[in-house]
C-alpha atoms as a PDB file:
ATOM      1  CA  MET A   1     -14.245 -57.412 -54.813  1.00  0.00           C
ATOM      2  CA  LEU A   2     -14.618 -53.523 -56.043  1.00  0.00           C
ATOM      3  CA  LYS A   3     -18.164 -53.759 -54.962  1.00  0.00           C
ATOM      4  CA  ARG A   4     -17.031 -55.198 -51.547  1.00  0.00           C
ATOM      5  CA  PHE A   5     -14.451 -52.460 -51.298  1.00  0.00           C
ATOM      6  CA  LEU A   6     -16.849 -49.847 -52.242  1.00  0.00           C
ATOM      7  CA  ARG A   7     -19.361 -50.564 -49.636  1.00  0.00           C
ATOM      8  CA  LEU A   8     -17.181 -51.376 -46.933  1.00  0.00           C
ATOM      9  CA  ALA A   9     -15.232 -47.629 -47.809  1.00  0.00           C
ATOM     10  CA  THR A  10     -19.225 -46.063 -47.857  1.00  0.00           C
ATOM     11  CA  ILE A  11     -19.012 -47.885 -43.659  1.00  0.00           C
ATOM     12  CA  ALA A  12     -15.728 -46.722 -42.863  1.00  0.00           C
ATOM     13  CA  LEU A  13     -16.516 -43.035 -43.803  1.00  0.00           C
ATOM     14  CA  LEU A  14     -20.293 -43.366 -42.479  1.00  0.00           C
ATOM     15  CA  PHE A  15     -18.805 -44.330 -39.435  1.00  0.00           C
ATOM     16  CA  ILE A  16     -16.256 -41.390 -39.481  1.00  0.00           C
ATOM     17  CA  LEU A  17     -18.797 -38.696 -40.436  1.00  0.00           C
ATOM     18  CA  VAL A  18     -21.065 -39.972 -37.313  1.00  0.00           C
ATOM     19  CA  THR A  19     -18.220 -40.218 -35.151  1.00  0.00           C
ATOM     20  CA  ALA A  20     -16.943 -36.984 -36.137  1.00  0.00           C
ATOM     21  CA  GLY A  21     -20.795 -35.482 -35.790  1.00  0.00           C
ATOM     22  CA  LEU A  22     -20.921 -37.641 -32.213  1.00  0.00           C
ATOM     23  CA  LEU A  23     -17.749 -35.635 -31.401  1.00  0.00           C
ATOM     24  CA  TYR A  24     -18.364 -32.320 -32.360  1.00  0.00           C
ATOM     25  CA  LEU A  25     -21.746 -32.543 -30.887  1.00  0.00           C
ATOM     26  CA  ASP A  26     -19.783 -33.305 -27.276  1.00  0.00           C
ATOM     27  CA  TYR A  27     -17.421 -30.914 -28.674  1.00  0.00           C
ATOM     28  CA  GLN A  28     -20.203 -27.678 -28.196  1.00  0.00           C
ATOM     29  CA  LYS A  29     -22.083 -29.607 -25.193  1.00  0.00           C
ATOM     30  CA  PHE A  30     -18.479 -29.089 -23.115  1.00  0.00           C
ATOM     31  CA  LEU A  31     -18.613 -25.465 -24.805  1.00  0.00           C
ATOM     32  CA  GLN A  32     -21.717 -24.616 -23.444  1.00  0.00           C
ATOM     33  CA  THR A  33     -21.499 -26.703 -19.724  1.00  0.00           C
ATOM     34  CA  PRO A  34     -20.290 -24.882 -16.822  1.00  0.00           C
ATOM     35  CA  LEU A  35     -17.622 -26.279 -14.917  1.00  0.00           C
ATOM     36  CA  ASN A  36     -17.811 -28.573 -12.044  1.00  0.00           C
ATOM     37  CA  ILE A  37     -16.942 -25.448  -9.766  1.00  0.00           C
ATOM     38  CA  GLU A  38     -19.497 -25.806  -6.778  1.00  0.00           C
ATOM     39  CA  GLN A  39     -18.465 -22.788  -4.910  1.00  0.00           C
ATOM     40  CA  ASP A  40     -16.552 -19.490  -5.218  1.00  0.00           C
ATOM     41  CA  MET A  41     -12.756 -20.500  -4.965  1.00  0.00           C
ATOM     42  CA  VAL A  42      -9.110 -19.856  -5.673  1.00  0.00           C
ATOM     43  CA  PHE A  43      -7.037 -21.103  -8.245  1.00  0.00           C
ATOM     44  CA  ALA A  44      -3.662 -20.998  -8.477  1.00  0.00           C
ATOM     45  CA  ILE A  45      -0.958 -20.945 -11.487  1.00  0.00           C
ATOM     46  CA  GLU A  46       2.056 -21.458 -10.243  1.00  0.00           C
ATOM     47  CA  SER A  47       5.396 -19.679 -11.954  1.00  0.00           C
ATOM     48  CA  GLY A  48       6.762 -22.289 -14.619  1.00  0.00           C
ATOM     49  CA  MET A  49       3.685 -23.680 -15.048  1.00  0.00           C
ATOM     50  CA  ASN A  50       2.734 -24.778 -19.227  1.00  0.00           C
ATOM     51  CA  PHE A  51      -0.820 -25.460 -20.582  1.00  0.00           C
ATOM     52  CA  SER A  52      -0.446 -29.236 -20.221  1.00  0.00           C
ATOM     53  CA  ASP A  53       0.300 -28.788 -16.759  1.00  0.00           C
ATOM     54  CA  LEU A  54      -2.627 -26.374 -15.912  1.00  0.00           C
ATOM     55  CA  ASN A  55      -4.860 -28.757 -17.652  1.00  0.00           C
ATOM     56  CA  LYS A  56      -3.711 -31.478 -15.568  1.00  0.00           C
ATOM     57  CA  LYS A  57      -4.239 -29.236 -12.428  1.00  0.00           C
ATOM     58  CA  LEU A  58      -7.921 -28.469 -13.612  1.00  0.00           C
ATOM     59  CA  LYS A  59      -8.626 -32.301 -13.931  1.00  0.00           C
ATOM     60  CA  ALA A  60      -6.825 -33.031 -10.676  1.00  0.00           C
ATOM     61  CA  LYS A  61      -9.093 -31.236  -9.145  1.00  0.00           C
ATOM     62  CA  ASN A  62     -12.304 -32.325 -10.989  1.00  0.00           C
ATOM     63  CA  ILE A  63     -13.024 -29.082 -12.973  1.00  0.00           C
ATOM     64  CA  ILE A  64     -13.130 -30.113 -15.874  1.00  0.00           C
ATOM     65  CA  GLU A  65     -13.528 -33.582 -17.063  1.00  0.00           C
ATOM     66  CA  LYS A  66     -12.358 -33.513 -20.557  1.00  0.00           C
ATOM     67  CA  ASP A  67      -9.283 -32.113 -20.328  1.00  0.00           C
ATOM     68  CA  ARG A  68      -8.366 -32.528 -24.328  1.00  0.00           C
ATOM     69  CA  TYR A  69     -11.299 -30.406 -25.230  1.00  0.00           C
ATOM     70  CA  LEU A  70     -10.045 -27.694 -23.207  1.00  0.00           C
ATOM     71  CA  LYS A  71      -6.906 -28.581 -24.848  1.00  0.00           C
ATOM     72  CA  ILE A  72      -8.191 -27.986 -27.994  1.00  0.00           C
ATOM     73  CA  LEU A  73     -10.342 -24.965 -27.505  1.00  0.00           C
ATOM     74  CA  ALA A  74      -6.877 -23.425 -26.010  1.00  0.00           C
ATOM     75  CA  ARG A  75      -4.680 -24.306 -29.360  1.00  0.00           C
ATOM     76  CA  CYS A  76      -7.391 -22.866 -31.773  1.00  0.00           C
ATOM     77  CA  THR A  77      -7.875 -19.460 -30.304  1.00  0.00           C
ATOM     78  CA  ASP A  78      -3.873 -19.103 -29.521  1.00  0.00           C
ATOM     79  CA  ARG A  79      -4.437 -19.096 -25.865  1.00  0.00           C
ATOM     80  CA  ALA A  80      -2.239 -22.247 -24.849  1.00  0.00           C
ATOM     81  CA  ASN A  81       0.583 -19.738 -24.554  1.00  0.00           C
ATOM     82  CA  LYS A  82      -0.718 -16.810 -22.579  1.00  0.00           C
ATOM     83  CA  ILE A  83      -1.656 -17.936 -19.586  1.00  0.00           C
ATOM     84  CA  LYS A  84      -0.515 -15.590 -16.539  1.00  0.00           C
ATOM     85  CA  THR A  85       0.947 -16.935 -13.734  1.00  0.00           C
ATOM     86  CA  GLY A  86      -1.122 -15.736 -10.657  1.00  0.00           C
ATOM     87  CA  GLU A  87      -3.877 -16.539  -8.484  1.00  0.00           C
ATOM     88  CA  TYR A  88      -7.655 -16.200 -10.040  1.00  0.00           C
ATOM     89  CA  ASN A  89     -10.865 -16.654  -8.757  1.00  0.00           C
ATOM     90  CA  LEU A  90     -13.651 -19.084 -10.226  1.00  0.00           C
ATOM     91  CA  SER A  91     -16.850 -18.933  -9.401  1.00  0.00           C
ATOM     92  CA  PRO A  92     -19.899 -21.301 -10.148  1.00  0.00           C
ATOM     93  CA  GLY A  93     -21.330 -20.995 -13.824  1.00  0.00           C
ATOM     94  CA  LEU A  94     -18.369 -20.345 -15.181  1.00  0.00           C
ATOM     95  CA  LEU A  95     -18.033 -21.547 -19.201  1.00  0.00           C
ATOM     96  CA  PRO A  96     -14.483 -23.149 -20.752  1.00  0.00           C
ATOM     97  CA  ASP A  97     -14.298 -19.811 -22.840  1.00  0.00           C
ATOM     98  CA  GLN A  98     -14.526 -17.991 -19.675  1.00  0.00           C
ATOM     99  CA  LEU A  99     -12.162 -19.755 -17.712  1.00  0.00           C
ATOM    100  CA  LEU A 100      -9.318 -19.317 -20.617  1.00  0.00           C
ATOM    101  CA  ASN A 101     -10.514 -15.539 -21.096  1.00  0.00           C
ATOM    102  CA  THR A 102      -9.857 -15.575 -16.780  1.00  0.00           C
ATOM    103  CA  PHE A 103      -6.362 -16.818 -16.648  1.00  0.00           C
ATOM    104  CA  VAL A 104      -5.243 -15.186 -20.139  1.00  0.00           C
ATOM    105  CA  SER A 105      -6.425 -11.679 -18.244  1.00  0.00           C
ATOM    106  CA  GLY A 106      -4.170 -11.328 -15.308  1.00  0.00           C
ATOM    107  CA  LYS A 107      -6.579  -9.801 -13.507  1.00  0.00           C
ATOM    108  CA  VAL A 108      -4.885 -12.508 -10.357  1.00  0.00           C
ATOM    109  CA  VAL A 109      -6.455 -12.271  -6.525  1.00  0.00           C
ATOM    110  CA  GLN A 110      -5.465  -8.744  -5.351  1.00  0.00           C
ATOM    111  CA  TYR A 111      -4.943  -8.573  -1.375  1.00  0.00           C
ATOM    112  CA  THR A 112      -4.774  -5.784   0.704  1.00  0.00           C
ATOM    113  CA  MET A 113      -2.251  -4.032   3.160  1.00  0.00           C
ATOM    114  CA  THR A 114      -2.914  -0.159   4.750  1.00  0.00           C
ATOM    115  CA  LEU A 115       0.104   1.982   6.003  1.00  0.00           C
ATOM    116  CA  VAL A 116      -1.781   4.132   8.454  1.00  0.00           C
ATOM    117  CA  GLU A 117      -0.759   7.703   8.507  1.00  0.00           C
ATOM    118  CA  GLY A 118       1.302   8.744  11.924  1.00  0.00           C
ATOM    119  CA  TRP A 119       3.243   5.255  12.014  1.00  0.00           C
ATOM    120  CA  GLN A 120       6.759   4.777  12.210  1.00  0.00           C
ATOM    121  CA  THR A 121       9.092   2.634  10.342  1.00  0.00           C
ATOM    122  CA  HIS A 122       9.448   0.126  13.097  1.00  0.00           C
ATOM    123  CA  GLU A 123       4.856   0.124  12.700  1.00  0.00           C
ATOM    124  CA  VAL A 124       5.429  -0.697   9.318  1.00  0.00           C
ATOM    125  CA  LEU A 125       8.047  -3.387   9.592  1.00  0.00           C
ATOM    126  CA  ASP A 126       5.944  -4.671  12.638  1.00  0.00           C
ATOM    127  CA  ALA A 127       3.101  -4.795  10.128  1.00  0.00           C
ATOM    128  CA  ILE A 128       5.049  -6.739   7.090  1.00  0.00           C
ATOM    129  CA  LYS A 129       6.029  -9.112   9.459  1.00  0.00           C
ATOM    130  CA  LEU A 130       2.589  -9.852  10.590  1.00  0.00           C
ATOM    131  CA  ASN A 131       1.819 -10.269   7.014  1.00  0.00           C
ATOM    132  CA  ASN A 132       1.407 -13.764   5.607  1.00  0.00           C
ATOM    133  CA  ILE A 133       1.181 -13.119   2.003  1.00  0.00           C
ATOM    134  CA  LEU A 134       4.035 -10.805   1.293  1.00  0.00           C
ATOM    135  CA  GLU A 135       7.480 -13.289   0.193  1.00  0.00           C
ATOM    136  CA  THR A 136      10.155 -12.452   2.983  1.00  0.00           C
ATOM    137  CA  ASN A 137      12.846 -11.440   0.874  1.00  0.00           C
ATOM    138  CA  LEU A 138      13.927  -8.552   4.274  1.00  0.00           C
ATOM    139  CA  LYS A 139      17.418  -9.834   5.768  1.00  0.00           C
ATOM    140  CA  SER A 140      16.145  -8.077   8.822  1.00  0.00           C
ATOM    141  CA  TYR A 141      13.529  -5.835   9.975  1.00  0.00           C
ATOM    142  CA  ASN A 142      15.873  -3.200  11.151  1.00  0.00           C
ATOM    143  CA  PRO A 143      14.809   0.750  10.601  1.00  0.00           C
ATOM    144  CA  ASP A 144      18.528   1.414  10.271  1.00  0.00           C
ATOM    145  CA  THR A 145      19.286  -0.785   7.243  1.00  0.00           C
ATOM    146  CA  LEU A 146      15.809  -0.644   6.202  1.00  0.00           C
ATOM    147  CA  MET A 147      16.828   2.061   2.877  1.00  0.00           C
ATOM    148  CA  ALA A 148      19.997  -0.134   2.076  1.00  0.00           C
ATOM    149  CA  GLU A 149      18.114  -3.203   1.515  1.00  0.00           C
ATOM    150  CA  LEU A 150      15.752  -1.667  -0.698  1.00  0.00           C
ATOM    151  CA  ALA A 151      18.493   0.201  -2.809  1.00  0.00           C
ATOM    152  CA  TYR A 152      18.691   3.927  -1.233  1.00  0.00           C
ATOM    153  CA  PRO A 153      21.405   3.612   0.769  1.00  0.00           C
ATOM    154  CA  GLU A 154      22.962   6.375   3.120  1.00  0.00           C
ATOM    155  CA  ILE A 155      18.714   7.535   3.367  1.00  0.00           C
ATOM    156  CA  VAL A 156      17.158   7.623   6.923  1.00  0.00           C
ATOM    157  CA  ALA A 157      13.704   5.005   6.164  1.00  0.00           C
ATOM    158  CA  GLU A 158      11.730   7.555   8.925  1.00  0.00           C
ATOM    159  CA  GLY A 159       8.511   9.336   7.357  1.00  0.00           C
ATOM    160  CA  LEU A 160       9.837   7.909   3.600  1.00  0.00           C
ATOM    161  CA  PHE A 161       6.504   5.722   2.909  1.00  0.00           C
ATOM    162  CA  PHE A 162       3.311   6.654   1.564  1.00  0.00           C
ATOM    163  CA  PRO A 163       0.582   5.950   4.119  1.00  0.00           C
ATOM    164  CA  ASP A 164      -2.065   3.936   1.706  1.00  0.00           C
ATOM    165  CA  THR A 165      -4.119   0.840   1.238  1.00  0.00           C
ATOM    166  CA  TYR A 166      -2.051  -1.372  -1.394  1.00  0.00           C
ATOM    167  CA  ASN A 167      -3.374  -3.901  -3.818  1.00  0.00           C
ATOM    168  CA  PHE A 168      -1.237  -6.188  -4.482  1.00  0.00           C
ATOM    169  CA  PRO A 169      -1.072 -10.063  -5.707  1.00  0.00           C
ATOM    170  CA  LYS A 170       0.789 -13.737  -3.928  1.00  0.00           C
ATOM    171  CA  GLY A 171       4.287 -13.574  -4.473  1.00  0.00           C
ATOM    172  CA  THR A 172       5.015 -10.052  -3.830  1.00  0.00           C
ATOM    173  CA  SER A 173       7.809  -9.707  -2.284  1.00  0.00           C
ATOM    174  CA  ASP A 174       8.118  -7.201   1.203  1.00  0.00           C
ATOM    175  CA  ILE A 175      11.016  -5.157  -0.645  1.00  0.00           C
ATOM    176  CA  ASP A 176       9.141  -4.594  -3.604  1.00  0.00           C
ATOM    177  CA  PHE A 177       6.164  -3.566  -1.585  1.00  0.00           C
ATOM    178  CA  LEU A 178       8.404  -1.538   0.158  1.00  0.00           C
ATOM    179  CA  LYS A 179      10.072   0.135  -2.854  1.00  0.00           C
ATOM    180  CA  ARG A 180       6.066   0.910  -3.627  1.00  0.00           C
ATOM    181  CA  ALA A 181       5.026   2.734  -1.179  1.00  0.00           C
ATOM    182  CA  TYR A 182       8.428   4.742  -1.059  1.00  0.00           C
ATOM    183  CA  LEU A 183       8.202   5.801  -4.742  1.00  0.00           C
ATOM    184  CA  ARG A 184       4.625   6.614  -4.120  1.00  0.00           C
ATOM    185  CA  LEU A 185       5.851   8.999  -1.230  1.00  0.00           C
ATOM    186  CA  GLN A 186       8.013  10.531  -3.875  1.00  0.00           C
ATOM    187  CA  LYS A 187       5.596  11.146  -6.196  1.00  0.00           C
ATOM    188  CA  VAL A 188       3.396  12.722  -4.276  1.00  0.00           C
ATOM    189  CA  LEU A 189       5.871  14.791  -2.452  1.00  0.00           C
ATOM    190  CA  ASP A 190       6.793  16.257  -5.834  1.00  0.00           C
ATOM    191  CA  GLU A 191       3.424  16.861  -7.217  1.00  0.00           C
ATOM    192  CA  GLU A 192       2.796  18.554  -3.693  1.00  0.00           C
ATOM    193  CA  TRP A 193       5.743  20.366  -3.839  1.00  0.00           C
ATOM    194  CA  GLN A 194       5.670  21.911  -7.804  1.00  0.00           C
ATOM    195  CA  GLN A 195       2.272  23.591  -6.104  1.00  0.00           C
ATOM    196  CA  ARG A 196       3.822  24.975  -2.948  1.00  0.00           C
ATOM    197  CA  GLU A 197       3.970  28.686  -1.875  1.00  0.00           C
ATOM    198  CA  ALA A 198       6.195  31.222  -2.394  1.00  0.00           C
ATOM    199  CA  ASN A 199       8.444  32.094   0.599  1.00  0.00           C
ATOM    200  CA  LEU A 200       8.778  29.107   2.709  1.00  0.00           C
ATOM    201  CA  PRO A 201      11.871  27.910   5.166  1.00  0.00           C
ATOM    202  CA  TYR A 202      12.177  24.684   3.136  1.00  0.00           C
ATOM    203  CA  GLN A 203      15.403  24.726   1.147  1.00  0.00           C
ATOM    204  CA  ASN A 204      14.208  21.319  -0.306  1.00  0.00           C
ATOM    205  CA  SER A 205      11.241  19.284  -0.258  1.00  0.00           C
ATOM    206  CA  TYR A 206      12.335  16.891   2.035  1.00  0.00           C
ATOM    207  CA  GLU A 207      12.582  19.592   4.949  1.00  0.00           C
ATOM    208  CA  ALA A 208       8.829  20.314   3.884  1.00  0.00           C
ATOM    209  CA  LEU A 209       8.090  16.567   4.307  1.00  0.00           C
ATOM    210  CA  ILE A 210       9.799  17.048   7.687  1.00  0.00           C
ATOM    211  CA  LEU A 211       7.784  19.411   9.046  1.00  0.00           C
ATOM    212  CA  ALA A 212       4.662  17.530   7.688  1.00  0.00           C
ATOM    213  CA  SER A 213       5.401  14.745  10.117  1.00  0.00           C
ATOM    214  CA  ILE A 214       4.974  17.054  13.125  1.00  0.00           C
ATOM    215  CA  ILE A 215       2.237  18.436  11.743  1.00  0.00           C
ATOM    216  CA  GLU A 216       0.429  14.849  11.504  1.00  0.00           C
ATOM    217  CA  LYS A 217       1.329  14.005  14.442  1.00  0.00           C
ATOM    218  CA  GLU A 218       0.027  17.291  16.017  1.00  0.00           C
ATOM    219  CA  THR A 219      -3.232  17.666  14.163  1.00  0.00           C
ATOM    220  CA  GLY A 220      -6.536  16.115  15.514  1.00  0.00           C
ATOM    221  CA  LEU A 221      -9.353  17.739  13.637  1.00  0.00           C
ATOM    222  CA  ALA A 222      -8.330  17.940  10.053  1.00  0.00           C
ATOM    223  CA  SER A 223      -9.551  21.364  10.045  1.00  0.00           C
ATOM    224  CA  GLU A 224      -6.568  22.593  12.174  1.00  0.00           C
ATOM    225  CA  ARG A 225      -4.014  21.304   9.757  1.00  0.00           C
ATOM    226  CA  ALA A 226      -3.285  24.789   7.804  1.00  0.00           C
ATOM    227  CA  THR A 227      -3.257  26.063  10.849  1.00  0.00           C
ATOM    228  CA  ILE A 228      -0.615  24.529  12.790  1.00  0.00           C
ATOM    229  CA  ALA A 229       1.418  24.833   9.574  1.00  0.00           C
ATOM    230  CA  GLY A 230       0.622  28.509   9.635  1.00  0.00           C
ATOM    231  CA  VAL A 231       2.249  28.479  13.264  1.00  0.00           C
ATOM    232  CA  PHE A 232       5.331  26.023  12.536  1.00  0.00           C
ATOM    233  CA  VAL A 233       5.828  28.351   9.689  1.00  0.00           C
ATOM    234  CA  ARG A 234       5.950  31.848  11.548  1.00  0.00           C
ATOM    235  CA  ARG A 235       8.277  30.363  14.122  1.00  0.00           C
ATOM    236  CA  LEU A 236      10.721  28.949  11.618  1.00  0.00           C
ATOM    237  CA  ASN A 237      11.039  32.231  10.233  1.00  0.00           C
ATOM    238  CA  LYS A 238      11.507  33.807  13.583  1.00  0.00           C
ATOM    239  CA  LYS A 239      14.114  31.372  14.407  1.00  0.00           C
ATOM    240  CA  MET A 240      12.311  30.360  17.095  1.00  0.00           C
ATOM    241  CA  LYS A 241      12.063  27.433  18.506  1.00  0.00           C
ATOM    242  CA  LEU A 242       9.804  25.064  17.274  1.00  0.00           C
ATOM    243  CA  GLN A 243       8.451  23.176  21.030  1.00  0.00           C
ATOM    244  CA  THR A 244       6.397  20.566  19.485  1.00  0.00           C
ATOM    245  CA  ASP A 245       5.705  17.444  21.956  1.00  0.00           C
ATOM    246  CA  PRO A 246       5.564  15.215  18.967  1.00  0.00           C
ATOM    247  CA  THR A 247       9.272  15.748  18.432  1.00  0.00           C
ATOM    248  CA  VAL A 248       9.814  15.113  21.907  1.00  0.00           C
ATOM    249  CA  ILE A 249       8.246  12.110  22.201  1.00  0.00           C
ATOM    250  CA  TYR A 250       9.879  10.523  18.825  1.00  0.00           C
ATOM    251  CA  ALA A 251      13.209  11.489  20.683  1.00  0.00           C
ATOM    252  CA  MET A 252      12.019   9.346  23.763  1.00  0.00           C
ATOM    253  CA  GLY A 253      11.408   6.059  21.791  1.00  0.00           C
ATOM    254  CA  ARG A 254      10.272   3.676  23.622  1.00  0.00           C
ATOM    255  CA  GLN A 255      10.681   5.109  27.098  1.00  0.00           C
ATOM    256  CA  PHE A 256       7.694   7.484  26.286  1.00  0.00           C
ATOM    257  CA  ASN A 257       4.936   5.993  28.745  1.00  0.00           C
ATOM    258  CA  GLY A 258       1.855   8.570  27.666  1.00  0.00           C
ATOM    259  CA  ASN A 259       3.442  11.556  29.449  1.00  0.00           C
ATOM    260  CA  ILE A 260       6.096  14.320  29.511  1.00  0.00           C
ATOM    261  CA  ARG A 261       7.717  15.108  32.137  1.00  0.00           C
ATOM    262  CA  LYS A 262       9.210  19.128  32.594  1.00  0.00           C
ATOM    263  CA  LYS A 263      12.642  16.662  32.416  1.00  0.00           C
ATOM    264  CA  ASP A 264      12.121  15.048  29.272  1.00  0.00           C
ATOM    265  CA  LEU A 265      12.026  18.641  27.744  1.00  0.00           C
ATOM    266  CA  ASP A 266      15.634  18.776  28.271  1.00  0.00           C
ATOM    267  CA  ILE A 267      16.687  15.073  26.708  1.00  0.00           C
ATOM    268  CA  ASN A 268      19.944  15.590  24.711  1.00  0.00           C
ATOM    269  CA  SER A 269      18.282  14.993  20.773  1.00  0.00           C
ATOM    270  CA  PRO A 270      18.262  16.628  17.430  1.00  0.00           C
ATOM    271  CA  TYR A 271      14.624  15.881  17.115  1.00  0.00           C
ATOM    272  CA  ASN A 272      14.229  17.390  20.603  1.00  0.00           C
ATOM    273  CA  THR A 273      12.672  21.170  19.200  1.00  0.00           C
ATOM    274  CA  TYR A 274      12.522  22.362  23.107  1.00  0.00           C
ATOM    275  CA  ARG A 275      16.344  22.386  22.698  1.00  0.00           C
ATOM    276  CA  TYR A 276      17.598  22.701  19.179  1.00  0.00           C
ATOM    277  CA  LYS A 277      16.192  25.247  16.888  1.00  0.00           C
ATOM    278  CA  GLY A 278      14.848  24.299  13.369  1.00  0.00           C
ATOM    279  CA  LEU A 279      13.497  21.152  11.812  1.00  0.00           C
ATOM    280  CA  PRO A 280      14.626  17.699  13.412  1.00  0.00           C
ATOM    281  CA  PRO A 281      17.095  15.606  11.121  1.00  0.00           C
ATOM    282  CA  SER A 282      14.403  13.264   9.273  1.00  0.00           C
ATOM    283  CA  PRO A 283      10.511  12.958   9.388  1.00  0.00           C
ATOM    284  CA  ILE A 284       9.062  11.584  12.716  1.00  0.00           C
ATOM    285  CA  SER A 285       6.391   9.883  11.216  1.00  0.00           C
ATOM    286  CA  LEU A 286       4.593   8.746   7.821  1.00  0.00           C
ATOM    287  CA  VAL A 287       2.894  11.344   6.319  1.00  0.00           C
ATOM    288  CA  GLY A 288      -0.314  11.868   4.553  1.00  0.00           C
ATOM    289  CA  ARG A 289      -1.075  13.947   1.293  1.00  0.00           C
ATOM    290  CA  GLU A 290      -2.822  16.497   3.217  1.00  0.00           C
ATOM    291  CA  ALA A 291      -0.417  17.349   5.586  1.00  0.00           C
ATOM    292  CA  ILE A 292       1.733  17.500   3.021  1.00  0.00           C
ATOM    293  CA  TYR A 293      -0.492  19.850   1.434  1.00  0.00           C
ATOM    294  CA  ALA A 294      -0.261  21.711   4.915  1.00  0.00           C
ATOM    295  CA  ALA A 295       3.248  22.430   4.628  1.00  0.00           C
ATOM    296  CA  LEU A 296       3.715  24.285   1.719  1.00  0.00           C
ATOM    297  CA  HIS A 297       0.229  25.845   1.857  1.00  0.00           C
ATOM    298  CA  PRO A 298       0.390  27.233   5.509  1.00  0.00           C
ATOM    299  CA  GLU A 299      -2.103  29.760   7.039  1.00  0.00           C
ATOM    300  CA  ALA A 300      -1.767  32.862   7.574  1.00  0.00           C
ATOM    301  CA  GLY A 301      -1.915  34.632  10.639  1.00  0.00           C
ATOM    302  CA  ASN A 302      -0.576  35.999  13.915  1.00  0.00           C
ATOM    303  CA  SER A 303      -0.163  32.908  15.995  1.00  0.00           C
ATOM    304  CA  TYR A 304       2.901  31.658  17.331  1.00  0.00           C
ATOM    305  CA  TYR A 305       1.353  29.047  20.082  1.00  0.00           C
ATOM    306  CA  PHE A 306      -1.168  26.567  20.496  1.00  0.00           C
ATOM    307  CA  VAL A 307      -2.363  24.506  23.317  1.00  0.00           C
ATOM    308  CA  ALA A 308      -4.386  20.977  22.945  1.00  0.00           C
ATOM    309  CA  LYS A 309      -7.962  21.761  24.486  1.00  0.00           C
ATOM    310  CA  GLY A 310      -8.561  17.702  25.128  1.00  0.00           C
ATOM    311  CA  ASP A 311     -11.381  18.003  22.853  1.00  0.00           C
ATOM    312  CA  GLY A 312      -8.944  17.309  19.650  1.00  0.00           C
ATOM    313  CA  SER A 313      -9.051  20.543  18.808  1.00  0.00           C
ATOM    314  CA  HIS A 314      -6.403  23.415  20.298  1.00  0.00           C
ATOM    315  CA  TYR A 315      -6.228  26.868  21.689  1.00  0.00           C
ATOM    316  CA  PHE A 316      -4.290  29.426  19.158  1.00  0.00           C
ATOM    317  CA  SER A 317      -2.304  32.675  20.994  1.00  0.00           C
ATOM    318  CA  ASP A 318      -0.616  35.118  19.424  1.00  0.00           C
ATOM    319  CA  THR A 319       1.458  35.876  22.717  1.00  0.00           C
ATOM    320  CA  LEU A 320       3.333  34.086  25.124  1.00  0.00           C
ATOM    321  CA  ALA A 321       0.936  35.241  27.938  1.00  0.00           C
ATOM    322  CA  GLU A 322      -1.884  34.547  26.349  1.00  0.00           C
ATOM    323  CA  HIS A 323      -0.649  31.119  25.495  1.00  0.00           C
ATOM    324  CA  ASN A 324       0.091  30.214  28.966  1.00  0.00           C
ATOM    325  CA  ARG A 325      -3.303  31.568  30.275  1.00  0.00           C
ATOM    326  CA  ALA A 326      -4.672  29.221  28.031  1.00  0.00           C
ATOM    327  CA  VAL A 327      -2.062  26.660  29.494  1.00  0.00           C
ATOM    328  CA  VAL A 328      -3.309  27.018  32.491  1.00  0.00           C
ATOM    329  CA  LYS A 329      -7.091  26.295  31.486  1.00  0.00           C
ATOM    330  CA  TYR A 330      -6.685  23.963  29.189  1.00  0.00           C
ATOM    331  CA  GLN A 331      -3.623  21.808  31.053  1.00  0.00           C
ATOM    332  CA  LEU A 332      -3.295  22.795  34.255  1.00  0.00           C
ATOM    333  CA  ARG A 333      -7.060  22.972  35.732  1.00  0.00           C
ATOM    334  CA  ARG A 334      -7.813  19.877  33.603  1.00  0.00           C
ATOM    335  CA  GLY A 335      -5.124  17.870  35.234  1.00  0.00           C
ATOM    336  CA  LYS A 336      -6.479  18.876  39.234  1.00  0.00           C
END
């Protein structure tokens, strides 16, 4: 009886060892075999998904066959509870261990959106409204109520978002995106303000931002930014009207059809710098770092006037008489 028992026990042990060996070899083969990914794909781990849910989804999509092996790998390497929500790029040739590393890394798919220098707030909101990745949390797309929705009430939204190309993952809300662009503008403005030149005609950095927005709209050539800034700064110091067309265009709003008529220069708006001295009450567009820098580092000189030459550049004049001759040469005669 004992011999028979020992023989059965030996057979059972051998069976267990053989089975364990085969399972181990199969597990090692699993680790070394690329997953079933035939082409680049985006795989999403939804919010609230645990590892069991993830494993089921991977099997349902036929990315893995032996999901129990992935579970063993995840548990043994302490990664089962470290997966992060988001979208991930998966490519052919990916091994199971690399798959887990991807899900733990948090390096999710990034989408991009660009805010452009010179845009007005309504153009920013139009672009966000058309974006099908950002989650819609804004109650409206009204520039007048925008800052209140961003938790910054009593602030005019115009010009308060930094123009740049932003990367963001799926799940980002329009409010979070705009707050990020707003805070980026504040950071850039503060950095530049700390390095400003002395004796500038601004009470604070916001006034510098206002002039920078005018410089942004007036400048056709990057090389002229500081020169244009110098003209405006000298005018402000002399208590002269800025008399800049972009502010009139801004005051006209949607009534502007591409041309400024003489009567438009008398439009009753605090943004009309032909009618009112000093700076308008807010920026008139998004402002890049270069325009902010120019406003804080204006070029020295004697010019108080400039006129567009029609090729993107300007003619700068020291006197009104010289400016009037330049207007005739570059504007009136060209218009005939």
